Amino acid sequence: MLCSLLTSMYLLHCLTDHCSSMPTPVKASSQVVGFFASELQDLKSLRRKRLLKKWTTESKTRLSYESADDTKRISEDSRFDDTDKGQVLYEPGPQVDSDSENRELSRDIQLSLDDIVSSKRLSHPFKVKTGSTGKLSPLGEGRKELPQALIIGVKKGGTRALLEFLRVHPDLRAVGAEPHFFDRNYENGLEWYRELMPKTLEGQITMEKTPSYFVTREAPARIAVMSRDTKLIVVVRDPITRAISDYTQTLSKNPDIPTFESLTFKNRTTGLIDTSWSAIQIGIYAKHLDNWLKYFPMGQILFVSGERLISDPAGELGRVQDFLGLKRIITDKHFYFNQTKGFPCLKKAEGSSKPHCLGKTKGRTHPNIHPEVVQRLRDFYRPFNMKFYQMTGRMFGWDD
């Protein structure tokens, strides 16, 4: 106040011609300038931090997390629009009193966004569209890929159980229905096939299962055209038990079909097995495997025991996870044995907190087959089984 008064009096004196020149300004030393510049910067920094803290606190109330398709997405409030789909923007800061403060705050927010993410105030990664203001949107949409792994067989071997168990793994996404692309729908093309796949994120495996691929002559060559690196999984089961299960399924849909015994033999008197019946033909595993080995090495094919999938699901799932290059996440803790159905069930299925067993169509009661018929089939399958054991390097114990 005193300085202002003295300055005013001096100016008045000069205007009344009592002085002939203005005094030379006094320059502040560089030390003084540096001191005030530093203090000013600290004040600005403190103000930015306070405004940024206020903005992040308000933003937290607008963001909520929810689970969808095995990935976490962020649900935004009603102020967020879809102006630039595919472009990720970020939420504007709080309202302040002047336009200059708004501009400075926007710059500060953009510069500090990486610090916010790294400090886990926002746990999801974000892309920033520079030069724009608006909203924050998460990554995680993913994209559809052709499958890197296929469950190719066999029918009534336990393929549905294996797929349902594998879907618990967070790094694997699978189609629920059987696409039948490489046997029935190949003319639709690979892009049609790709569209059937679920969206996956980087590092996740896409999978589908169609058990009839294993016995389709054209399937190996067609899959090789898609990718020779495709990993193939075959669930196999005692061929006799598998044939009876196959027959039981058909019987449930068509009760008027002939008996199992009459379909098994071309001539019951001579005991000649009818290998043209698909229920019998599917179980000649060695014959079908020969066709696959023309296009894929044995190292890319994993054979899962259908019997062990029931008696030791975690053990077989461990082999499958290793084969696919996945971390062993699915373990004993995921299963319980259902005495009524006679096979293991999941304690928690994919996307659910409740126990899950396969549907009513699984675990049907098999009809009683005459022991003589079973023995004839045992004798028929024995040489094929032995060759299969030799080819795969694994004893499945069907002839014990």
Protein backbone atom coordinates (compact mmCIF):
# COMPACT_ATOMS: atom_id res chain seq x y z
CA MET A 1 0.00 0.00 0.00
CA LEU A 2 2.79 2.45 1.00
CA CYS A 3 4.77 1.64 -2.16
CA SER A 4 1.74 2.36 -4.32
CA LEU A 5 1.15 5.70 -2.57
CA LEU A 6 4.75 6.83 -2.99
CA THR A 7 4.77 5.85 -6.66
CA SER A 8 1.57 7.81 -7.29
CA MET A 9 3.01 10.92 -5.60
CA TYR A 10 6.19 10.68 -7.66
CA LEU A 11 4.25 10.42 -10.92
CA LEU A 12 2.18 13.45 -9.94
CA HIS A 13 5.35 15.37 -9.24
CA CYS A 14 6.72 14.50 -12.69
CA LEU A 15 3.53 15.54 -14.43
CA THR A 16 3.70 18.98 -12.87
CA ASP A 17 7.12 19.51 -14.49
CA HIS A 18 9.03 19.24 -11.26
CA CYS A 19 11.09 16.46 -12.71
CA SER A 20 12.60 16.02 -16.16
CA SER A 21 13.12 12.27 -16.38
CA MET A 22 11.78 8.97 -15.18
CA PRO A 23 13.92 6.92 -12.84
CA THR A 24 15.67 3.91 -14.26
CA PRO A 25 13.87 0.66 -13.34
CA VAL A 26 15.62 -1.50 -10.83
CA LYS A 27 16.31 -4.97 -12.19
CA ALA A 28 15.79 -7.89 -9.88
CA SER A 29 18.69 -10.23 -9.49
CA SER A 30 18.57 -13.65 -11.23
CA GLN A 31 18.40 -15.29 -7.80
CA VAL A 32 15.23 -13.39 -6.91
CA VAL A 33 13.63 -14.21 -10.28
CA GLY A 34 14.45 -17.87 -9.91
CA PHE A 35 13.04 -17.95 -6.39
CA PHE A 36 9.66 -16.50 -7.42
CA ALA A 37 9.50 -18.65 -10.58
CA SER A 38 10.09 -21.77 -8.50
CA GLU A 39 7.44 -20.76 -5.98
CA LEU A 40 4.96 -20.04 -8.78
CA GLN A 41 5.61 -23.44 -10.38
CA ASP A 42 5.07 -25.19 -7.05
CA LEU A 43 1.75 -23.40 -6.60
CA LYS A 44 0.65 -24.37 -10.10
CA SER A 45 1.71 -27.98 -9.51
CA LEU A 46 -0.21 -28.13 -6.23
CA ARG A 47 -3.33 -26.72 -7.89
CA ARG A 48 -3.07 -29.27 -10.74
CA LYS A 49 -2.72 -32.15 -8.29
CA ARG A 50 -5.79 -31.02 -6.34
CA LEU A 51 -7.89 -30.67 -9.49
CA LEU A 52 -6.63 -33.99 -10.83
CA LYS A 53 -7.45 -35.72 -7.56
CA LYS A 54 -10.96 -34.24 -7.68
CA TRP A 55 -11.38 -35.42 -11.29
CA THR A 56 -10.26 -39.00 -10.58
CA THR A 57 -12.52 -39.17 -7.49
CA GLU A 58 -15.53 -38.07 -9.53
CA SER A 59 -14.62 -40.40 -12.39
CA LYS A 60 -14.50 -43.38 -10.06
CA THR A 61 -18.15 -42.86 -9.20
CA ARG A 62 -19.03 -43.08 -12.90
CA LEU A 63 -17.08 -46.24 -13.68
CA SER A 64 -18.23 -49.71 -12.66
CA TYR A 65 -16.81 -53.05 -13.57
CA GLU A 66 -18.74 -56.03 -14.81
CA SER A 67 -17.88 -59.48 -16.22
CA ALA A 68 -18.72 -60.38 -19.84
CA ASP A 69 -17.28 -63.21 -22.08
CA ASP A 70 -14.50 -64.06 -19.62
CA THR A 71 -13.12 -60.49 -19.88
CA LYS A 72 -13.71 -57.42 -17.74
CA ARG A 73 -15.32 -54.44 -19.37
CA ILE A 74 -16.09 -50.99 -18.01
CA SER A 75 -19.67 -49.80 -17.95
CA GLU A 76 -19.85 -46.07 -18.52
CA ASP A 77 -22.58 -43.73 -17.27
CA SER A 78 -25.24 -42.08 -19.40
CA ARG A 79 -23.02 -39.09 -20.22
CA PHE A 80 -20.81 -41.32 -22.34
CA ASP A 81 -21.86 -41.51 -25.98
CA ASP A 82 -20.81 -43.55 -29.03
CA THR A 83 -19.54 -40.65 -31.10
CA ASP A 84 -16.29 -42.28 -32.24
CA LYS A 85 -16.79 -46.03 -32.12
CA GLY A 86 -13.50 -47.83 -32.03
CA GLN A 87 -11.73 -44.66 -30.83
CA VAL A 88 -11.04 -44.31 -27.14
CA LEU A 89 -11.42 -40.96 -25.54
CA TYR A 90 -11.28 -39.83 -21.95
CA GLU A 91 -13.63 -38.19 -19.49
CA PRO A 92 -13.29 -34.39 -19.13
CA GLY A 93 -12.16 -32.95 -15.84
CA PRO A 94 -14.26 -31.02 -13.32
CA GLN A 95 -15.73 -27.61 -14.11
CA VAL A 96 -13.54 -24.66 -13.07
CA ASP A 97 -14.01 -20.95 -13.11
CA SER A 98 -12.12 -19.87 -16.21
CA ASP A 99 -11.40 -21.12 -19.74
CA SER A 100 -7.66 -20.94 -19.20
CA GLU A 101 -7.89 -23.18 -16.17
CA ASN A 102 -9.96 -25.66 -18.18
CA ARG A 103 -7.33 -25.83 -20.90
CA GLU A 104 -4.50 -26.22 -18.43
CA LEU A 105 -6.38 -28.90 -16.51
CA SER A 106 -7.01 -30.87 -19.73
CA ARG A 107 -3.30 -30.80 -20.50
CA ASP A 108 -2.44 -31.89 -16.97
CA ILE A 109 -4.92 -34.77 -17.11
CA GLN A 110 -3.49 -36.06 -20.38
CA LEU A 111 0.07 -35.86 -19.06
CA SER A 112 -0.90 -37.64 -15.86
CA LEU A 113 -3.05 -40.42 -17.39
CA ASP A 114 -0.20 -42.94 -17.46
CA ASP A 115 0.52 -42.24 -13.79
CA ILE A 116 -3.14 -42.89 -12.91
CA VAL A 117 -3.14 -46.26 -14.69
CA SER A 118 0.20 -47.34 -13.24
CA SER A 119 -0.94 -46.48 -9.73
CA LYS A 120 -3.96 -48.81 -10.32
CA ARG A 121 -6.57 -46.12 -9.74
CA LEU A 122 -7.88 -47.48 -13.05
CA SER A 123 -6.95 -51.14 -13.39
CA HIS A 124 -7.82 -51.51 -17.08
CA PRO A 125 -5.59 -50.41 -19.97
CA PHE A 126 -6.74 -47.48 -22.09
CA LYS A 127 -5.90 -46.01 -25.46
CA VAL A 128 -5.83 -42.26 -25.71
CA LYS A 129 -7.05 -40.42 -28.78
CA THR A 130 -4.94 -37.27 -28.73
CA GLY A 131 -6.49 -33.95 -29.50
CA SER A 132 -9.93 -35.10 -28.33
CA THR A 133 -11.92 -34.70 -25.19
CA GLY A 134 -14.73 -36.93 -24.04
CA LYS A 135 -14.60 -40.32 -22.36
CA LEU A 136 -12.53 -43.28 -21.27
CA SER A 137 -13.24 -46.67 -22.89
CA PRO A 138 -11.57 -50.01 -22.10
CA LEU A 139 -9.73 -52.32 -24.40
CA GLY A 140 -10.97 -55.91 -24.39
CA GLU A 141 -13.34 -56.29 -27.30
CA GLY A 142 -11.03 -58.79 -28.97
CA ARG A 143 -11.52 -60.20 -32.43
CA LYS A 144 -12.55 -63.45 -34.09
CA GLU A 145 -9.77 -65.82 -35.08
CA LEU A 146 -9.70 -69.17 -36.83
CA PRO A 147 -9.27 -71.93 -34.23
CA GLN A 148 -5.78 -72.92 -33.21
CA ALA A 149 -7.02 -76.16 -31.62
CA LEU A 150 -9.75 -78.65 -32.53
CA ILE A 151 -11.40 -81.54 -30.73
CA ILE A 152 -11.86 -83.83 -33.73
CA GLY A 153 -13.27 -86.96 -32.14
CA VAL A 154 -14.62 -89.31 -31.33
CA LYS A 155 -18.41 -89.43 -31.19
CA LYS A 156 -19.64 -90.71 -27.80
CA GLY A 157 -16.10 -90.64 -26.48
CA GLY A 158 -16.51 -87.76 -24.03
CA THR A 159 -15.89 -84.75 -26.26
CA ARG A 160 -18.67 -82.63 -24.78
CA ALA A 161 -17.38 -83.21 -21.24
CA LEU A 162 -13.84 -82.28 -22.28
CA LEU A 163 -14.99 -79.08 -23.98
CA GLU A 164 -17.10 -77.99 -21.00
CA PHE A 165 -14.21 -78.66 -18.63
CA LEU A 166 -11.77 -76.71 -20.82
CA ARG A 167 -14.07 -73.71 -21.05
CA VAL A 168 -13.36 -73.03 -17.39
CA HIS A 169 -9.86 -71.95 -18.40
CA PRO A 170 -9.62 -68.15 -18.81
CA ASP A 171 -7.13 -68.43 -21.69
CA LEU A 172 -9.37 -70.57 -23.88
CA ARG A 173 -12.53 -69.63 -25.76
CA ALA A 174 -14.65 -72.21 -27.53
CA VAL A 175 -17.71 -72.45 -29.73
CA GLY A 176 -20.57 -74.17 -27.93
CA ALA A 177 -22.31 -75.76 -30.92
CA GLU A 178 -20.55 -78.10 -33.34
CA PRO A 179 -19.76 -76.12 -36.55
CA HIS A 180 -19.25 -79.21 -38.79
CA PHE A 181 -17.23 -76.99 -41.10
CA PHE A 182 -14.65 -79.49 -42.34
CA ASP A 183 -17.20 -82.22 -43.06
CA ARG A 184 -20.55 -80.60 -43.99
CA ASN A 185 -20.08 -76.85 -44.49
CA TYR A 186 -16.69 -76.53 -46.12
CA GLU A 187 -18.12 -74.87 -49.23
CA ASN A 188 -19.10 -71.86 -47.08
CA GLY A 189 -15.46 -70.81 -46.84
CA LEU A 190 -13.05 -69.91 -44.06
CA GLU A 191 -14.48 -66.43 -43.48
CA TRP A 192 -17.90 -67.96 -42.77
CA TYR A 193 -16.15 -70.34 -40.38
CA ARG A 194 -14.28 -67.50 -38.66
CA GLU A 195 -17.52 -65.66 -37.98
CA LEU A 196 -18.73 -68.64 -35.92
CA MET A 197 -15.81 -68.23 -33.52
CA PRO A 198 -15.98 -66.29 -30.25
CA LYS A 199 -13.94 -63.13 -29.88
CA THR A 200 -10.60 -63.63 -28.21
CA LEU A 201 -7.94 -61.40 -26.71
CA GLU A 202 -4.23 -61.65 -27.36
CA GLY A 203 -2.87 -64.81 -25.74
CA GLN A 204 -6.20 -66.66 -25.71
CA ILE A 205 -6.77 -69.85 -27.71
CA THR A 206 -9.79 -70.33 -29.97
CA MET A 207 -11.20 -73.87 -30.07
CA GLU A 208 -14.10 -75.84 -31.51
CA LYS A 209 -15.18 -79.45 -31.37
CA THR A 210 -16.82 -81.61 -34.02
CA PRO A 211 -16.33 -85.33 -33.30
CA SER A 212 -17.16 -86.48 -36.83
CA TYR A 213 -13.98 -84.88 -38.20
CA PHE A 214 -11.92 -87.88 -37.06
CA VAL A 215 -13.77 -90.27 -39.37
CA THR A 216 -14.18 -87.83 -42.30
CA ARG A 217 -11.65 -88.67 -45.01
CA GLU A 218 -11.41 -85.09 -46.36
CA ALA A 219 -11.07 -83.39 -42.96
CA PRO A 220 -7.27 -83.71 -42.44
CA ALA A 221 -6.40 -82.13 -45.79
CA ARG A 222 -8.93 -79.33 -45.29
CA ILE A 223 -7.65 -78.50 -41.80
CA ALA A 224 -4.09 -78.53 -43.12
CA VAL A 225 -5.11 -75.90 -45.69
CA MET A 226 -6.33 -73.68 -42.85
CA SER A 227 -3.16 -74.23 -40.80
CA ARG A 228 -0.68 -77.07 -40.50
CA ASP A 229 0.07 -75.83 -36.97
CA THR A 230 -3.43 -76.68 -35.73
CA LYS A 231 -3.39 -78.77 -32.55
CA LEU A 232 -5.72 -81.76 -32.66
CA ILE A 233 -7.36 -83.54 -29.71
CA VAL A 234 -9.07 -86.91 -29.91
CA VAL A 235 -11.03 -88.36 -26.99
CA VAL A 236 -11.05 -92.15 -27.36
CA ARG A 237 -12.93 -94.78 -25.43
CA ASP A 238 -13.23 -98.57 -25.42
CA PRO A 239 -14.64 -99.18 -28.94
CA ILE A 240 -17.27 -101.62 -27.64
CA THR A 241 -18.57 -99.28 -24.92
CA ARG A 242 -18.48 -96.45 -27.45
CA ALA A 243 -20.53 -98.47 -29.99
CA ILE A 244 -23.15 -99.36 -27.37
CA SER A 245 -23.38 -95.71 -26.32
CA ASP A 246 -23.76 -94.68 -29.96
CA TYR A 247 -26.57 -97.20 -30.41
CA THR A 248 -28.26 -96.01 -27.18
CA GLN A 249 -28.34 -92.43 -28.47
CA THR A 250 -29.88 -93.52 -31.78
CA LEU A 251 -32.39 -95.71 -29.93
CA SER A 252 -33.53 -92.75 -27.83
CA LYS A 253 -34.39 -90.87 -31.01
CA ASN A 254 -35.78 -93.81 -32.95
CA PRO A 255 -37.15 -96.60 -30.74
CA ASP A 256 -38.08 -98.75 -33.77
CA ILE A 257 -34.52 -99.51 -34.93
CA PRO A 258 -33.30 -103.15 -34.91
CA THR A 259 -31.48 -104.60 -31.90
CA PHE A 260 -27.80 -103.92 -31.30
CA GLU A 261 -26.97 -107.58 -31.98
CA SER A 262 -28.70 -107.65 -35.37
CA LEU A 263 -26.91 -104.48 -36.48
CA THR A 264 -23.52 -105.73 -35.31
CA PHE A 265 -23.34 -108.85 -37.48
CA LYS A 266 -23.62 -109.36 -41.19
CA ASN A 267 -24.24 -112.99 -40.38
CA ARG A 268 -24.99 -113.97 -36.79
CA THR A 269 -24.22 -117.63 -37.47
CA THR A 270 -20.72 -117.02 -38.81
CA GLY A 271 -20.08 -114.13 -36.44
CA LEU A 272 -18.95 -111.80 -39.27
CA ILE A 273 -18.94 -108.21 -38.01
CA ASP A 274 -20.63 -105.57 -40.17
CA THR A 275 -17.95 -102.88 -40.46
CA SER A 276 -20.20 -100.75 -42.65
CA TRP A 277 -22.28 -99.88 -39.59
CA SER A 278 -20.96 -96.53 -38.40
CA ALA A 279 -21.18 -97.53 -34.73
CA ILE A 280 -18.63 -100.27 -35.43
CA GLN A 281 -16.54 -98.39 -37.99
CA ILE A 282 -15.81 -95.37 -35.77
CA GLY A 283 -14.06 -97.61 -33.22
CA ILE A 284 -11.37 -98.77 -35.68
CA TYR A 285 -9.17 -95.93 -34.46
CA ALA A 286 -5.92 -97.08 -36.08
CA LYS A 287 -7.46 -96.97 -39.54
CA HIS A 288 -8.66 -93.38 -39.14
CA LEU A 289 -5.39 -92.27 -37.55
CA ASP A 290 -3.45 -93.45 -40.59
CA ASN A 291 -5.33 -90.87 -42.65
CA TRP A 292 -4.50 -88.03 -40.24
CA LEU A 293 -0.80 -88.87 -40.12
CA LYS A 294 -0.55 -88.10 -43.84
CA TYR A 295 -1.05 -84.42 -42.98
CA PHE A 296 -0.11 -83.94 -39.31
CA PRO A 297 2.76 -85.32 -37.20
CA MET A 298 1.90 -87.36 -34.13
CA GLY A 299 3.28 -84.55 -31.96
CA GLN A 300 0.34 -82.35 -32.96
CA ILE A 301 -2.29 -84.93 -31.98
CA LEU A 302 -3.22 -85.62 -28.36
CA PHE A 303 -5.27 -88.66 -27.41
CA VAL A 304 -7.37 -88.31 -24.28
CA SER A 305 -8.70 -91.37 -22.47
CA GLY A 306 -12.48 -91.21 -22.14
CA GLU A 307 -12.29 -93.60 -19.19
CA ARG A 308 -9.73 -91.51 -17.33
CA LEU A 309 -11.73 -88.38 -18.10
CA ILE A 310 -14.32 -89.93 -15.77
CA SER A 311 -12.05 -91.50 -13.15
CA ASP A 312 -9.39 -88.74 -13.07
CA PRO A 313 -10.66 -85.62 -14.87
CA ALA A 314 -8.01 -83.33 -13.39
CA GLY A 315 -5.23 -85.65 -14.54
CA GLU A 316 -6.44 -85.77 -18.14
CA LEU A 317 -7.13 -82.03 -18.13
CA GLY A 318 -3.58 -81.47 -16.97
CA ARG A 319 -2.27 -83.30 -20.05
CA VAL A 320 -4.56 -81.27 -22.30
CA GLN A 321 -3.50 -77.94 -20.76
CA ASP A 322 0.16 -78.87 -21.21
CA PHE A 323 -0.47 -79.87 -24.83
CA LEU A 324 -2.15 -76.52 -25.56
CA GLY A 325 0.57 -74.55 -23.80
CA LEU A 326 -1.80 -73.36 -21.09
CA LYS A 327 -1.06 -72.88 -17.42
CA ARG A 328 -2.48 -75.71 -15.29
CA ILE A 329 -5.40 -73.81 -13.83
CA ILE A 330 -8.05 -76.57 -14.01
CA THR A 331 -7.34 -78.94 -11.12
CA ASP A 332 -9.07 -81.31 -8.69
CA LYS A 333 -10.73 -78.40 -6.92
CA HIS A 334 -12.93 -77.79 -9.98
CA PHE A 335 -14.67 -81.20 -9.90
CA TYR A 336 -17.01 -83.32 -7.84
CA PHE A 337 -18.33 -86.78 -8.71
CA ASN A 338 -22.06 -87.07 -9.37
CA GLN A 339 -23.16 -90.51 -8.15
CA THR A 340 -26.47 -90.33 -10.01
CA LYS A 341 -24.98 -89.64 -13.41
CA GLY A 342 -21.85 -91.65 -12.80
CA PHE A 343 -19.36 -89.04 -14.00
CA PRO A 344 -17.66 -85.88 -12.73
CA CYS A 345 -19.30 -82.48 -12.81
CA LEU A 346 -17.97 -78.96 -12.46
CA LYS A 347 -18.30 -77.19 -9.13
CA LYS A 348 -18.47 -73.91 -11.03
CA ALA A 349 -19.15 -73.76 -14.75
CA GLU A 350 -17.96 -71.03 -17.09
CA GLY A 351 -19.63 -67.73 -16.23
CA SER A 352 -21.54 -69.24 -13.29
CA SER A 353 -21.10 -69.69 -9.57
CA LYS A 354 -23.29 -72.81 -9.48
CA PRO A 355 -22.35 -76.48 -9.97
CA HIS A 356 -22.86 -77.79 -13.49
CA CYS A 357 -23.35 -81.29 -14.91
CA LEU A 358 -23.87 -82.26 -18.51
CA GLY A 359 -27.47 -82.47 -19.70
CA LYS A 360 -29.98 -85.30 -19.52
CA THR A 361 -28.81 -86.68 -22.85
CA LYS A 362 -25.46 -87.56 -21.24
CA GLY A 363 -25.09 -90.60 -19.06
CA ARG A 364 -28.00 -92.60 -20.52
CA THR A 365 -28.50 -96.14 -19.25
CA HIS A 366 -27.17 -98.63 -21.79
CA PRO A 367 -29.19 -101.66 -22.84
CA ASN A 368 -27.93 -105.06 -21.77
CA ILE A 369 -25.90 -106.73 -24.51
CA HIS A 370 -25.40 -110.48 -24.56
CA PRO A 371 -21.90 -111.42 -23.32
CA GLU A 372 -21.28 -113.51 -26.43
CA VAL A 373 -21.80 -110.45 -28.64
CA VAL A 374 -19.43 -108.42 -26.47
CA GLN A 375 -16.79 -111.15 -26.73
CA ARG A 376 -17.10 -111.33 -30.52
CA LEU A 377 -16.57 -107.60 -30.66
CA ARG A 378 -13.62 -107.88 -28.26
CA ASP A 379 -11.95 -110.35 -30.60
CA PHE A 380 -12.72 -108.17 -33.61
CA TYR A 381 -11.26 -104.96 -32.16
CA ARG A 382 -8.18 -106.49 -30.48
CA PRO A 383 -5.73 -106.26 -33.44
CA PHE A 384 -6.88 -102.74 -34.26
CA ASN A 385 -6.49 -101.70 -30.63
CA MET A 386 -2.98 -103.15 -30.46
CA LYS A 387 -1.95 -101.21 -33.54
CA PHE A 388 -3.49 -98.07 -32.08
CA TYR A 389 -1.55 -98.51 -28.81
CA GLN A 390 1.64 -98.87 -30.82
CA MET A 391 0.94 -95.81 -32.96
CA THR A 392 0.11 -93.53 -30.02
CA GLY A 393 2.59 -94.97 -27.55
CA ARG A 394 -0.11 -95.29 -24.91
CA MET A 395 -1.83 -98.37 -23.49
CA PHE A 396 -5.51 -97.64 -22.97
CA GLY A 397 -6.28 -101.03 -21.39
CA TRP A 398 -9.36 -101.94 -23.42
CA ASP A 399 -8.27 -105.57 -23.85
CA ASP A 400 -7.37 -106.34 -20.23
